[in-house]
Amino acid sequence: MLSGTHGLAILHPRLFNPFCVLITFHVLESSLCQFVMHVG
């Protein structure tokens, strides 16, 4: 995942801010994990 995000940041530096992308993925992953743990 990290290499893919880094690749996107290189391919589209004006469209993808690597920090924003990483933070977004981290938040989504954390939310998903909390949701799964809460339901499970």
Protein backbone atom coordinates (compact mmCIF):
# COMPACT_ATOMS: atom_id res chain seq x y z
CA MET A 1 0.00 0.00 0.00
CA LEU A 2 2.79 2.38 0.95
CA SER A 3 4.65 1.89 -2.34
CA GLY A 4 1.42 2.32 -4.32
CA THR A 5 0.64 5.60 -2.55
CA HIS A 6 4.21 6.79 -3.09
CA GLY A 7 3.89 5.93 -6.78
CA LEU A 8 0.65 7.93 -7.09
CA ALA A 9 2.30 10.89 -5.39
CA ILE A 10 5.14 10.77 -7.92
CA LEU A 11 2.83 10.32 -10.92
CA HIS A 12 0.43 13.08 -9.90
CA PRO A 13 2.29 15.46 -7.54
CA ARG A 14 -0.27 18.23 -8.06
CA LEU A 15 -3.30 16.00 -7.49
CA PHE A 16 -2.05 13.78 -4.69
CA ASN A 17 -0.52 15.17 -1.52
CA PRO A 18 1.26 12.09 -0.09
CA PHE A 19 0.65 13.16 3.51
CA CYS A 20 -3.07 13.73 2.88
CA VAL A 21 -3.35 10.38 1.12
CA LEU A 22 -1.56 8.54 3.92
CA ILE A 23 -3.66 10.27 6.59
CA THR A 24 -6.87 9.49 4.69
CA PHE A 25 -5.96 5.80 4.33
CA HIS A 26 -4.92 5.65 8.01
CA VAL A 27 -8.23 7.19 9.16
CA LEU A 28 -10.27 4.89 6.92
CA GLU A 29 -8.35 1.84 8.10
CA SER A 30 -8.70 2.83 11.77
CA SER A 31 -12.43 3.50 11.36
CA LEU A 32 -12.91 0.16 9.60
CA CYS A 33 -10.99 -1.71 12.31
CA GLN A 34 -13.00 -0.04 15.09
CA PHE A 35 -16.26 -0.80 13.25
CA VAL A 36 -15.33 -4.47 12.77
CA MET A 37 -14.23 -4.84 16.41
CA HIS A 38 -17.41 -3.13 17.64
CA VAL A 39 -19.68 -5.33 15.50
CA GLY A 40 -17.68 -8.50 16.13
